[in-house]
Amino acid sequence: MAASFLHCSTTSTFSSTSKTKLHKSSPSYKPIKVISMSQNHTSWATINSEVESHIEQALSGRQPPMVFDPMNHLIFEVPRSMAPALCIAACEAVGGQKEQAIPAASALHLMHVATYTHEYLQLSDKSMVPTMSHHGLEPSIELLTADSMIPFGYELLAAMEDPANKNSESVLQVMIEIGRAMGSQGMINGQYLKFRCLGLDGEEPCEEGVMDQVFEKKGGGLYSCGAACGAILGGGSDEEIGKLRRYGLYVGMIHGIMVHDKAGKEKRLLKLADNLRFLALKELEGMKGKNIEPICSLMDGFSAFLRVQKFHFPQRV
């Protein structure tokens, strides 16, 4: 299968993304090879399976069953996020081993499940429940179960500490990263902005630009956190952590746009997503010699989305 080649522009923060005119040519630009989704589908699926297995093992035998059985149910009921897999891929990209990041990736998955369940709790016939296959639990049980996943996630993180490997500082840093990403300045802020903008049924008109903040706080924050945590645990330098953090931010925002605008009707958002893809790949340019191909492959899903929508932008050369 033919591989695609993408050129990249540069910026350091999202705030300038939609306002900055991206340069379409420069002698310093070099293409980054992006391997096809089909080549990486198995590896991403394997990583997600390992994360879920780690959680299942941690839940095994826990008492009382009336508390932990619903947790096991919700883990597989909520749509997957690629943030946990990105955490592991980022760890490997900076020279770490996936075993170093699996507990953190598992905690990220638990946090994702908890916040997703809170956001789409079935409170009324008009509640936004777009992608959960069905609600197998009563709303009150779903709420309590989601609440219990957050401290359980931190328990998994705390168990990572190993004095023999002198990783206490890294583990603490990861706990802070996740707390910040999932808290009032991150995911919860994004959910609040979304409900204030769209309403509980998701059908209210929304001011231009507000949803951009939602994409940044929700998907962007989660993916950014995953990439940064993986790089921290893998022993990455401050520069590598920063690059992967920004890459995760851009990719997470792209995925948020794809979920929000499945039909591809909002051309402004599609253009923003294309710019974000451009910026994301630029962050990986300086990581030569690193195992970045799996991380690059996350872009393929967006490329396929654009092809389906028949929405094309001028090729950057």
C-alpha atoms as a PDB file:
ATOM      1  CA  MET A   1       0.000   0.000   0.000  1.00  0.00           C
ATOM      2  CA  ALA A   2       1.342   3.372  -0.896  1.00  0.00           C
ATOM      3  CA  ALA A   3       2.506   5.526   1.960  1.00  0.00           C
ATOM      4  CA  SER A   4       1.547   9.164   2.230  1.00  0.00           C
ATOM      5  CA  PHE A   5       3.953  12.036   2.837  1.00  0.00           C
ATOM      6  CA  LEU A   6       3.062  15.149   4.772  1.00  0.00           C
ATOM      7  CA  HIS A   7       4.915  18.430   5.204  1.00  0.00           C
ATOM      8  CA  CYS A   8       4.654  20.460   8.360  1.00  0.00           C
ATOM      9  CA  SER A   9       4.448  24.012   9.576  1.00  0.00           C
ATOM     10  CA  THR A  10       5.333  25.244  13.021  1.00  0.00           C
ATOM     11  CA  THR A  11       3.804  26.919  16.053  1.00  0.00           C
ATOM     12  CA  SER A  12       4.024  26.459  19.777  1.00  0.00           C
ATOM     13  CA  THR A  13       0.510  26.903  21.095  1.00  0.00           C
ATOM     14  CA  PHE A  14      -3.048  26.315  19.955  1.00  0.00           C
ATOM     15  CA  SER A  15      -4.078  29.902  20.591  1.00  0.00           C
ATOM     16  CA  SER A  16      -2.380  30.985  17.370  1.00  0.00           C
ATOM     17  CA  THR A  17      -3.509  28.005  15.298  1.00  0.00           C
ATOM     18  CA  SER A  18      -6.640  29.465  13.764  1.00  0.00           C
ATOM     19  CA  LYS A  19      -5.131  32.933  13.341  1.00  0.00           C
ATOM     20  CA  THR A  20      -1.682  32.162  11.958  1.00  0.00           C
ATOM     21  CA  LYS A  21      -1.228  31.872   8.224  1.00  0.00           C
ATOM     22  CA  LEU A  22       0.624  28.606   7.717  1.00  0.00           C
ATOM     23  CA  HIS A  23       3.559  28.745   5.345  1.00  0.00           C
ATOM     24  CA  LYS A  24       3.047  26.333   2.486  1.00  0.00           C
ATOM     25  CA  SER A  25       6.641  26.144   1.337  1.00  0.00           C
ATOM     26  CA  SER A  26      10.087  26.384   2.864  1.00  0.00           C
ATOM     27  CA  PRO A  27      13.450  24.888   1.923  1.00  0.00           C
ATOM     28  CA  SER A  28      13.825  23.676   5.506  1.00  0.00           C
ATOM     29  CA  TYR A  29      10.684  21.553   5.408  1.00  0.00           C
ATOM     30  CA  LYS A  30      11.196  17.836   5.160  1.00  0.00           C
ATOM     31  CA  PRO A  31       8.478  15.238   4.672  1.00  0.00           C
ATOM     32  CA  ILE A  32       7.577  12.824   7.411  1.00  0.00           C
ATOM     33  CA  LYS A  33       6.580   9.386   6.302  1.00  0.00           C
ATOM     34  CA  VAL A  34       3.207   8.336   7.662  1.00  0.00           C
ATOM     35  CA  ILE A  35       2.576   4.621   7.498  1.00  0.00           C
ATOM     36  CA  SER A  36      -0.891   3.415   6.639  1.00  0.00           C
ATOM     37  CA  MET A  37      -3.590   2.743   9.214  1.00  0.00           C
ATOM     38  CA  SER A  38      -3.856  -0.880   8.100  1.00  0.00           C
ATOM     39  CA  GLN A  39      -0.224  -1.453   9.029  1.00  0.00           C
ATOM     40  CA  ASN A  40      -0.809  -0.182  12.559  1.00  0.00           C
ATOM     41  CA  HIS A  41      -4.370  -1.328  13.248  1.00  0.00           C
ATOM     42  CA  THR A  42      -3.180  -4.553  14.852  1.00  0.00           C
ATOM     43  CA  SER A  43      -0.599  -2.870  17.049  1.00  0.00           C
ATOM     44  CA  TRP A  44      -3.036  -0.201  18.290  1.00  0.00           C
ATOM     45  CA  ALA A  45      -5.650  -2.873  18.975  1.00  0.00           C
ATOM     46  CA  THR A  46      -3.044  -4.925  20.821  1.00  0.00           C
ATOM     47  CA  ILE A  47      -2.052  -1.966  22.986  1.00  0.00           C
ATOM     48  CA  ASN A  48      -5.678  -1.228  23.868  1.00  0.00           C
ATOM     49  CA  SER A  49      -6.206  -4.896  24.690  1.00  0.00           C
ATOM     50  CA  GLU A  50      -3.190  -4.867  27.009  1.00  0.00           C
ATOM     51  CA  VAL A  51      -4.511  -1.791  28.788  1.00  0.00           C
ATOM     52  CA  GLU A  52      -7.903  -3.398  29.305  1.00  0.00           C
ATOM     53  CA  SER A  53      -6.281  -6.628  30.486  1.00  0.00           C
ATOM     54  CA  HIS A  54      -4.239  -4.659  33.023  1.00  0.00           C
ATOM     55  CA  ILE A  55      -7.413  -3.071  34.389  1.00  0.00           C
ATOM     56  CA  GLU A  56      -9.241  -6.405  34.471  1.00  0.00           C
ATOM     57  CA  GLN A  57      -6.383  -7.977  36.388  1.00  0.00           C
ATOM     58  CA  ALA A  58      -6.369  -5.094  38.855  1.00  0.00           C
ATOM     59  CA  LEU A  59     -10.129  -5.501  39.345  1.00  0.00           C
ATOM     60  CA  SER A  60     -10.025  -9.282  39.667  1.00  0.00           C
ATOM     61  CA  GLY A  61     -11.164 -10.526  43.052  1.00  0.00           C
ATOM     62  CA  ARG A  62     -11.989  -7.074  44.392  1.00  0.00           C
ATOM     63  CA  GLN A  63     -14.761  -6.898  46.934  1.00  0.00           C
ATOM     64  CA  PRO A  64     -17.614  -6.213  47.026  1.00  0.00           C
ATOM     65  CA  PRO A  65     -18.736  -7.427  43.573  1.00  0.00           C
ATOM     66  CA  MET A  66     -21.705  -5.031  43.593  1.00  0.00           C
ATOM     67  CA  VAL A  67     -19.191  -2.193  43.333  1.00  0.00           C
ATOM     68  CA  PHE A  68     -16.539  -3.638  41.036  1.00  0.00           C
ATOM     69  CA  ASP A  69     -18.732  -5.584  38.589  1.00  0.00           C
ATOM     70  CA  PRO A  70     -20.340  -2.368  37.241  1.00  0.00           C
ATOM     71  CA  MET A  71     -16.852  -0.919  36.790  1.00  0.00           C
ATOM     72  CA  ASN A  72     -15.924  -3.883  34.623  1.00  0.00           C
ATOM     73  CA  HIS A  73     -19.100  -3.306  32.623  1.00  0.00           C
ATOM     74  CA  LEU A  74     -18.488   0.382  31.932  1.00  0.00           C
ATOM     75  CA  ILE A  75     -14.857  -0.165  30.940  1.00  0.00           C
ATOM     76  CA  PHE A  76     -16.025  -1.955  27.792  1.00  0.00           C
ATOM     77  CA  GLU A  77     -19.247   0.012  27.246  1.00  0.00           C
ATOM     78  CA  VAL A  78     -17.718   3.427  26.613  1.00  0.00           C
ATOM     79  CA  PRO A  79     -16.190   4.222  23.188  1.00  0.00           C
ATOM     80  CA  ARG A  80     -12.422   3.895  23.171  1.00  0.00           C
ATOM     81  CA  SER A  81     -10.052   6.826  23.263  1.00  0.00           C
ATOM     82  CA  MET A  82      -6.626   6.560  21.649  1.00  0.00           C
ATOM     83  CA  ALA A  83      -5.069   8.597  24.467  1.00  0.00           C
ATOM     84  CA  PRO A  84      -4.005   5.514  26.498  1.00  0.00           C
ATOM     85  CA  ALA A  85      -2.371   3.952  23.436  1.00  0.00           C
ATOM     86  CA  LEU A  86      -0.694   7.279  22.668  1.00  0.00           C
ATOM     87  CA  CYS A  87       0.709   7.251  26.209  1.00  0.00           C
ATOM     88  CA  ILE A  88       2.430   3.931  25.547  1.00  0.00           C
ATOM     89  CA  ALA A  89       3.576   4.932  22.053  1.00  0.00           C
ATOM     90  CA  ALA A  90       5.084   8.157  23.433  1.00  0.00           C
ATOM     91  CA  CYS A  91       6.941   6.197  26.106  1.00  0.00           C
ATOM     92  CA  GLU A  92       8.464   3.940  23.457  1.00  0.00           C
ATOM     93  CA  ALA A  93       9.217   6.916  21.198  1.00  0.00           C
ATOM     94  CA  VAL A  94      11.629   8.372  23.774  1.00  0.00           C
ATOM     95  CA  GLY A  95      13.320   5.038  24.440  1.00  0.00           C
ATOM     96  CA  GLY A  96      11.163   3.629  27.230  1.00  0.00           C
ATOM     97  CA  GLN A  97       9.463   0.247  27.476  1.00  0.00           C
ATOM     98  CA  LYS A  98       5.699  -0.127  27.194  1.00  0.00           C
ATOM     99  CA  GLU A  99       5.567  -1.849  30.593  1.00  0.00           C
ATOM    100  CA  GLN A 100       6.600   1.456  32.147  1.00  0.00           C
ATOM    101  CA  ALA A 101       3.504   3.193  30.769  1.00  0.00           C
ATOM    102  CA  ILE A 102       0.737   0.565  30.885  1.00  0.00           C
ATOM    103  CA  PRO A 103      -0.438   1.491  34.423  1.00  0.00           C
ATOM    104  CA  ALA A 104      -0.619   5.183  33.478  1.00  0.00           C
ATOM    105  CA  ALA A 105      -2.410   4.311  30.233  1.00  0.00           C
ATOM    106  CA  SER A 106      -4.862   2.224  32.260  1.00  0.00           C
ATOM    107  CA  ALA A 107      -5.477   5.139  34.618  1.00  0.00           C
ATOM    108  CA  LEU A 108      -6.117   7.401  31.626  1.00  0.00           C
ATOM    109  CA  HIS A 109      -8.663   4.935  30.283  1.00  0.00           C
ATOM    110  CA  LEU A 110     -10.437   4.850  33.646  1.00  0.00           C
ATOM    111  CA  MET A 111     -10.527   8.653  33.761  1.00  0.00           C
ATOM    112  CA  HIS A 112     -11.868   8.754  30.206  1.00  0.00           C
ATOM    113  CA  VAL A 113     -14.600   6.250  31.060  1.00  0.00           C
ATOM    114  CA  ALA A 114     -15.553   8.205  34.181  1.00  0.00           C
ATOM    115  CA  THR A 115     -15.806  11.580  32.467  1.00  0.00           C
ATOM    116  CA  TYR A 116     -17.597  10.146  29.427  1.00  0.00           C
ATOM    117  CA  THR A 117     -20.159   8.453  31.675  1.00  0.00           C
ATOM    118  CA  HIS A 118     -20.732  11.686  33.576  1.00  0.00           C
ATOM    119  CA  GLU A 119     -21.175  13.627  30.343  1.00  0.00           C
ATOM    120  CA  TYR A 120     -23.637  11.242  28.742  1.00  0.00           C
ATOM    121  CA  LEU A 121     -25.529  10.115  31.826  1.00  0.00           C
ATOM    122  CA  GLN A 122     -29.080   9.203  30.816  1.00  0.00           C
ATOM    123  CA  LEU A 123     -31.014  11.792  32.823  1.00  0.00           C
ATOM    124  CA  SER A 124     -33.855  12.346  30.364  1.00  0.00           C
ATOM    125  CA  ASP A 125     -35.058  11.406  26.907  1.00  0.00           C
ATOM    126  CA  LYS A 126     -33.206  14.458  25.550  1.00  0.00           C
ATOM    127  CA  SER A 127     -29.850  13.674  27.127  1.00  0.00           C
ATOM    128  CA  MET A 128     -26.984  13.430  24.657  1.00  0.00           C
ATOM    129  CA  VAL A 129     -26.095   9.734  24.374  1.00  0.00           C
ATOM    130  CA  PRO A 130     -24.603   9.446  20.878  1.00  0.00           C
ATOM    131  CA  THR A 131     -22.306   6.469  21.074  1.00  0.00           C
ATOM    132  CA  MET A 132     -22.827   4.243  24.137  1.00  0.00           C
ATOM    133  CA  SER A 133     -24.259   1.018  22.752  1.00  0.00           C
ATOM    134  CA  HIS A 134     -26.773   0.848  25.573  1.00  0.00           C
ATOM    135  CA  HIS A 135     -27.156   1.839  29.187  1.00  0.00           C
ATOM    136  CA  GLY A 136     -27.010  -1.470  31.044  1.00  0.00           C
ATOM    137  CA  LEU A 137     -27.019   0.189  34.459  1.00  0.00           C
ATOM    138  CA  GLU A 138     -29.380   2.513  36.270  1.00  0.00           C
ATOM    139  CA  PRO A 139     -28.311   6.179  36.049  1.00  0.00           C
ATOM    140  CA  SER A 140     -27.572   6.329  39.782  1.00  0.00           C
ATOM    141  CA  ILE A 141     -25.348   3.237  39.547  1.00  0.00           C
ATOM    142  CA  GLU A 142     -23.607   4.612  36.454  1.00  0.00           C
ATOM    143  CA  LEU A 143     -22.891   7.846  38.302  1.00  0.00           C
ATOM    144  CA  LEU A 144     -21.488   6.117  41.395  1.00  0.00           C
ATOM    145  CA  THR A 145     -19.480   3.680  39.286  1.00  0.00           C
ATOM    146  CA  ALA A 146     -17.912   6.495  37.296  1.00  0.00           C
ATOM    147  CA  ASP A 147     -17.059   8.272  40.549  1.00  0.00           C
ATOM    148  CA  SER A 148     -15.307   5.153  41.847  1.00  0.00           C
ATOM    149  CA  MET A 149     -13.095   4.887  38.768  1.00  0.00           C
ATOM    150  CA  ILE A 150     -11.234   8.124  39.474  1.00  0.00           C
ATOM    151  CA  PRO A 151      -9.679   7.104  42.827  1.00  0.00           C
ATOM    152  CA  PHE A 152      -9.073   3.628  41.412  1.00  0.00           C
ATOM    153  CA  GLY A 153      -7.094   5.216  38.592  1.00  0.00           C
ATOM    154  CA  TYR A 154      -4.929   7.061  41.104  1.00  0.00           C
ATOM    155  CA  GLU A 155      -4.446   3.802  42.979  1.00  0.00           C
ATOM    156  CA  LEU A 156      -2.990   2.264  39.821  1.00  0.00           C
ATOM    157  CA  LEU A 157      -0.709   5.268  39.421  1.00  0.00           C
ATOM    158  CA  ALA A 158       0.512   5.100  43.018  1.00  0.00           C
ATOM    159  CA  ALA A 159       1.310   1.407  42.585  1.00  0.00           C
ATOM    160  CA  MET A 160       3.780   2.342  39.833  1.00  0.00           C
ATOM    161  CA  GLU A 161       6.237   3.779  42.343  1.00  0.00           C
ATOM    162  CA  ASP A 162       9.363   1.653  42.554  1.00  0.00           C
ATOM    163  CA  PRO A 163      12.188   2.952  44.780  1.00  0.00           C
ATOM    164  CA  ALA A 164      14.592   0.531  43.110  1.00  0.00           C
ATOM    165  CA  ASN A 165      14.040   2.302  39.786  1.00  0.00           C
ATOM    166  CA  LYS A 166      14.005   5.760  41.381  1.00  0.00           C
ATOM    167  CA  ASN A 167      10.816   6.694  39.537  1.00  0.00           C
ATOM    168  CA  SER A 168       9.009   8.453  42.398  1.00  0.00           C
ATOM    169  CA  GLU A 169       9.406  11.895  40.850  1.00  0.00           C
ATOM    170  CA  SER A 170       8.134  10.714  37.463  1.00  0.00           C
ATOM    171  CA  VAL A 171       5.115   9.004  39.016  1.00  0.00           C
ATOM    172  CA  LEU A 172       4.247  12.123  40.999  1.00  0.00           C
ATOM    173  CA  GLN A 173       4.595  14.257  37.874  1.00  0.00           C
ATOM    174  CA  VAL A 174       2.262  11.920  35.972  1.00  0.00           C
ATOM    175  CA  MET A 175      -0.320  12.085  38.755  1.00  0.00           C
ATOM    176  CA  ILE A 176      -0.208  15.875  38.600  1.00  0.00           C
ATOM    177  CA  GLU A 177      -0.515  15.823  34.791  1.00  0.00           C
ATOM    178  CA  ILE A 178      -3.596  13.610  34.899  1.00  0.00           C
ATOM    179  CA  GLY A 179      -5.201  15.567  37.721  1.00  0.00           C
ATOM    180  CA  ARG A 180      -4.747  18.819  35.806  1.00  0.00           C
ATOM    181  CA  ALA A 181      -6.023  17.376  32.513  1.00  0.00           C
ATOM    182  CA  MET A 182      -9.137  15.827  34.039  1.00  0.00           C
ATOM    183  CA  GLY A 183      -9.968  18.600  36.514  1.00  0.00           C
ATOM    184  CA  SER A 184     -11.644  21.988  36.549  1.00  0.00           C
ATOM    185  CA  GLN A 185      -9.097  23.556  34.191  1.00  0.00           C
ATOM    186  CA  GLY A 186      -9.236  20.668  31.732  1.00  0.00           C
ATOM    187  CA  MET A 187     -11.899  18.073  30.940  1.00  0.00           C
ATOM    188  CA  ILE A 188     -14.513  19.410  33.362  1.00  0.00           C
ATOM    189  CA  ASN A 189     -14.040  22.905  31.968  1.00  0.00           C
ATOM    190  CA  GLY A 190     -14.539  21.545  28.451  1.00  0.00           C
ATOM    191  CA  GLN A 191     -17.693  19.692  29.447  1.00  0.00           C
ATOM    192  CA  TYR A 192     -19.080  22.824  31.101  1.00  0.00           C
ATOM    193  CA  LEU A 193     -18.390  24.906  27.999  1.00  0.00           C
ATOM    194  CA  LYS A 194     -20.017  22.262  25.821  1.00  0.00           C
ATOM    195  CA  PHE A 195     -23.220  22.083  27.855  1.00  0.00           C
ATOM    196  CA  ARG A 196     -23.412  25.865  28.163  1.00  0.00           C
ATOM    197  CA  CYS A 197     -22.991  26.182  24.406  1.00  0.00           C
ATOM    198  CA  LEU A 198     -24.997  23.272  23.012  1.00  0.00           C
ATOM    199  CA  GLY A 199     -27.498  22.600  25.805  1.00  0.00           C
ATOM    200  CA  LEU A 200     -28.245  19.235  27.398  1.00  0.00           C
ATOM    201  CA  ASP A 201     -29.744  17.868  24.181  1.00  0.00           C
ATOM    202  CA  GLY A 202     -26.826  19.050  22.017  1.00  0.00           C
ATOM    203  CA  GLU A 203     -29.093  20.951  19.646  1.00  0.00           C
ATOM    204  CA  GLU A 204     -28.638  24.575  20.713  1.00  0.00           C
ATOM    205  CA  PRO A 205     -26.781  26.992  18.387  1.00  0.00           C
ATOM    206  CA  CYS A 206     -23.190  27.581  19.407  1.00  0.00           C
ATOM    207  CA  GLU A 207     -21.059  30.678  18.969  1.00  0.00           C
ATOM    208  CA  GLU A 208     -18.112  30.264  16.633  1.00  0.00           C
ATOM    209  CA  GLY A 209     -14.949  29.632  18.576  1.00  0.00           C
ATOM    210  CA  VAL A 210     -16.550  28.200  21.711  1.00  0.00           C
ATOM    211  CA  MET A 211     -16.418  24.652  20.375  1.00  0.00           C
ATOM    212  CA  ASP A 212     -12.732  25.199  19.574  1.00  0.00           C
ATOM    213  CA  GLN A 213     -12.207  25.688  23.303  1.00  0.00           C
ATOM    214  CA  VAL A 214     -14.185  22.514  23.960  1.00  0.00           C
ATOM    215  CA  PHE A 215     -11.960  20.547  21.575  1.00  0.00           C
ATOM    216  CA  GLU A 216      -8.885  21.993  23.277  1.00  0.00           C
ATOM    217  CA  LYS A 217      -9.998  21.245  26.837  1.00  0.00           C
ATOM    218  CA  LYS A 218     -11.543  17.823  26.229  1.00  0.00           C
ATOM    219  CA  GLY A 219      -9.896  15.735  23.514  1.00  0.00           C
ATOM    220  CA  GLY A 220      -6.877  18.004  23.265  1.00  0.00           C
ATOM    221  CA  GLY A 221      -6.242  17.916  26.985  1.00  0.00           C
ATOM    222  CA  LEU A 222      -6.707  14.153  27.285  1.00  0.00           C
ATOM    223  CA  TYR A 223      -4.419  13.282  24.368  1.00  0.00           C
ATOM    224  CA  SER A 224      -1.872  15.909  25.378  1.00  0.00           C
ATOM    225  CA  CYS A 225      -1.795  14.431  28.862  1.00  0.00           C
ATOM    226  CA  GLY A 226      -1.417  10.894  27.507  1.00  0.00           C
ATOM    227  CA  ALA A 227       1.511  11.800  25.284  1.00  0.00           C
ATOM    228  CA  ALA A 228       3.247  13.827  28.004  1.00  0.00           C
ATOM    229  CA  CYS A 229       2.795  11.099  30.624  1.00  0.00           C
ATOM    230  CA  GLY A 230       4.247   8.470  28.309  1.00  0.00           C
ATOM    231  CA  ALA A 231       7.246  10.657  27.510  1.00  0.00           C
ATOM    232  CA  ILE A 232       7.823  11.401  31.205  1.00  0.00           C
ATOM    233  CA  LEU A 233       7.734   7.734  32.180  1.00  0.00           C
ATOM    234  CA  GLY A 234       9.980   6.815  29.256  1.00  0.00           C
ATOM    235  CA  GLY A 235      12.659   9.221  30.458  1.00  0.00           C
ATOM    236  CA  GLY A 236      12.203  11.779  27.699  1.00  0.00           C
ATOM    237  CA  SER A 237      13.945  15.137  27.761  1.00  0.00           C
ATOM    238  CA  ASP A 238      12.019  18.336  28.457  1.00  0.00           C
ATOM    239  CA  GLU A 239      12.117  19.093  24.733  1.00  0.00           C
ATOM    240  CA  GLU A 240      10.746  15.659  23.803  1.00  0.00           C
ATOM    241  CA  ILE A 241       8.029  15.893  26.439  1.00  0.00           C
ATOM    242  CA  GLY A 242       7.043  19.321  25.115  1.00  0.00           C
ATOM    243  CA  LYS A 243       6.913  18.162  21.504  1.00  0.00           C
ATOM    244  CA  LEU A 244       4.830  15.103  22.308  1.00  0.00           C
ATOM    245  CA  ARG A 245       2.560  17.126  24.588  1.00  0.00           C
ATOM    246  CA  ARG A 246       1.800  19.562  21.754  1.00  0.00           C
ATOM    247  CA  TYR A 247       1.405  16.706  19.285  1.00  0.00           C
ATOM    248  CA  GLY A 248      -1.158  15.112  21.595  1.00  0.00           C
ATOM    249  CA  LEU A 249      -3.002  18.417  21.943  1.00  0.00           C
ATOM    250  CA  TYR A 250      -3.359  18.805  18.181  1.00  0.00           C
ATOM    251  CA  VAL A 251      -4.324  15.166  17.580  1.00  0.00           C
ATOM    252  CA  GLY A 252      -6.864  15.201  20.399  1.00  0.00           C
ATOM    253  CA  MET A 253      -8.473  18.322  18.988  1.00  0.00           C
ATOM    254  CA  ILE A 254      -8.648  16.706  15.551  1.00  0.00           C
ATOM    255  CA  HIS A 255     -10.412  13.685  16.979  1.00  0.00           C
ATOM    256  CA  GLY A 256     -12.803  15.967  18.856  1.00  0.00           C
ATOM    257  CA  ILE A 257     -13.665  17.734  15.615  1.00  0.00           C
ATOM    258  CA  MET A 258     -14.264  14.412  13.865  1.00  0.00           C
ATOM    259  CA  VAL A 259     -16.643  13.260  16.604  1.00  0.00           C
ATOM    260  CA  HIS A 260     -18.490  16.588  16.689  1.00  0.00           C
ATOM    261  CA  ASP A 261     -18.808  17.007  12.917  1.00  0.00           C
ATOM    262  CA  LYS A 262     -19.240  13.447  11.674  1.00  0.00           C
ATOM    263  CA  ALA A 263     -20.972  14.578   8.496  1.00  0.00           C
ATOM    264  CA  GLY A 264     -18.223  17.034   7.611  1.00  0.00           C
ATOM    265  CA  LYS A 265     -20.694  19.902   7.219  1.00  0.00           C
ATOM    266  CA  GLU A 266     -18.699  22.575   9.040  1.00  0.00           C
ATOM    267  CA  LYS A 267     -15.981  23.547   6.577  1.00  0.00           C
ATOM    268  CA  ARG A 268     -14.354  25.915   9.070  1.00  0.00           C
ATOM    269  CA  LEU A 269     -13.790  23.025  11.463  1.00  0.00           C
ATOM    270  CA  LEU A 270     -12.407  20.834   8.699  1.00  0.00           C
ATOM    271  CA  LYS A 271      -9.966  23.561   7.745  1.00  0.00           C
ATOM    272  CA  LEU A 272      -8.970  23.938  11.403  1.00  0.00           C
ATOM    273  CA  ALA A 273      -8.447  20.185  11.634  1.00  0.00           C
ATOM    274  CA  ASP A 274      -6.237  20.204   8.553  1.00  0.00           C
ATOM    275  CA  ASN A 275      -4.128  22.980  10.079  1.00  0.00           C
ATOM    276  CA  LEU A 276      -3.876  21.040  13.323  1.00  0.00           C
ATOM    277  CA  ARG A 277      -2.680  17.969  11.439  1.00  0.00           C
ATOM    278  CA  PHE A 278      -0.033  20.134   9.803  1.00  0.00           C
ATOM    279  CA  LEU A 279       1.133  21.440  13.193  1.00  0.00           C
ATOM    280  CA  ALA A 280       1.049  18.020  14.842  1.00  0.00           C
ATOM    281  CA  LEU A 281       3.400  16.429  12.354  1.00  0.00           C
ATOM    282  CA  LYS A 282       5.746  19.398  12.602  1.00  0.00           C
ATOM    283  CA  GLU A 283       6.287  18.567  16.272  1.00  0.00           C
ATOM    284  CA  LEU A 284       7.710  15.190  15.260  1.00  0.00           C
ATOM    285  CA  GLU A 285      10.208  16.533  12.725  1.00  0.00           C
ATOM    286  CA  GLY A 286      12.985  16.971  15.270  1.00  0.00           C
ATOM    287  CA  MET A 287      12.618  13.475  16.689  1.00  0.00           C
ATOM    288  CA  LYS A 288      14.716  11.696  14.099  1.00  0.00           C
ATOM    289  CA  GLY A 289      15.932   8.278  15.084  1.00  0.00           C
ATOM    290  CA  LYS A 290      12.971   7.821  17.400  1.00  0.00           C
ATOM    291  CA  ASN A 291      10.180   5.284  17.044  1.00  0.00           C
ATOM    292  CA  ILE A 292       7.572   7.801  15.897  1.00  0.00           C
ATOM    293  CA  GLU A 293       5.866   5.884  13.090  1.00  0.00           C
ATOM    294  CA  PRO A 294       3.080   4.468  15.313  1.00  0.00           C
ATOM    295  CA  ILE A 295       2.387   7.968  16.629  1.00  0.00           C
ATOM    296  CA  CYS A 296       2.312   9.423  13.110  1.00  0.00           C
ATOM    297  CA  SER A 297      -0.241   6.825  12.063  1.00  0.00           C
ATOM    298  CA  LEU A 298      -2.882   8.516  14.219  1.00  0.00           C
ATOM    299  CA  MET A 299      -3.120  11.087  11.421  1.00  0.00           C
ATOM    300  CA  ASP A 300      -4.377   8.495   8.955  1.00  0.00           C
ATOM    301  CA  GLY A 301      -7.837   8.408  10.520  1.00  0.00           C
ATOM    302  CA  PHE A 302      -8.275  12.105   9.816  1.00  0.00           C
ATOM    303  CA  SER A 303      -6.961  11.756   6.261  1.00  0.00           C
ATOM    304  CA  ALA A 304      -9.514   9.010   5.611  1.00  0.00           C
ATOM    305  CA  PHE A 305     -12.251  11.210   7.090  1.00  0.00           C
ATOM    306  CA  LEU A 306     -11.419  14.004   4.661  1.00  0.00           C
ATOM    307  CA  ARG A 307     -11.459  11.592   1.732  1.00  0.00           C
ATOM    308  CA  VAL A 308     -14.921  10.368   2.711  1.00  0.00           C
ATOM    309  CA  GLN A 309     -16.163  13.969   2.913  1.00  0.00           C
ATOM    310  CA  LYS A 310     -14.452  14.768  -0.429  1.00  0.00           C
ATOM    311  CA  PHE A 311     -13.009  17.854   1.219  1.00  0.00           C
ATOM    312  CA  HIS A 312      -9.591  18.699  -0.160  1.00  0.00           C
ATOM    313  CA  PHE A 313      -7.109  21.402   0.715  1.00  0.00           C
ATOM    314  CA  PRO A 314      -4.208  22.634  -1.408  1.00  0.00           C
ATOM    315  CA  GLN A 315      -1.290  20.250  -1.059  1.00  0.00           C
ATOM    316  CA  ARG A 316       1.613  21.690   0.913  1.00  0.00           C
ATOM    317  CA  VAL A 317       4.858  21.396  -0.996  1.00  0.00           C
END
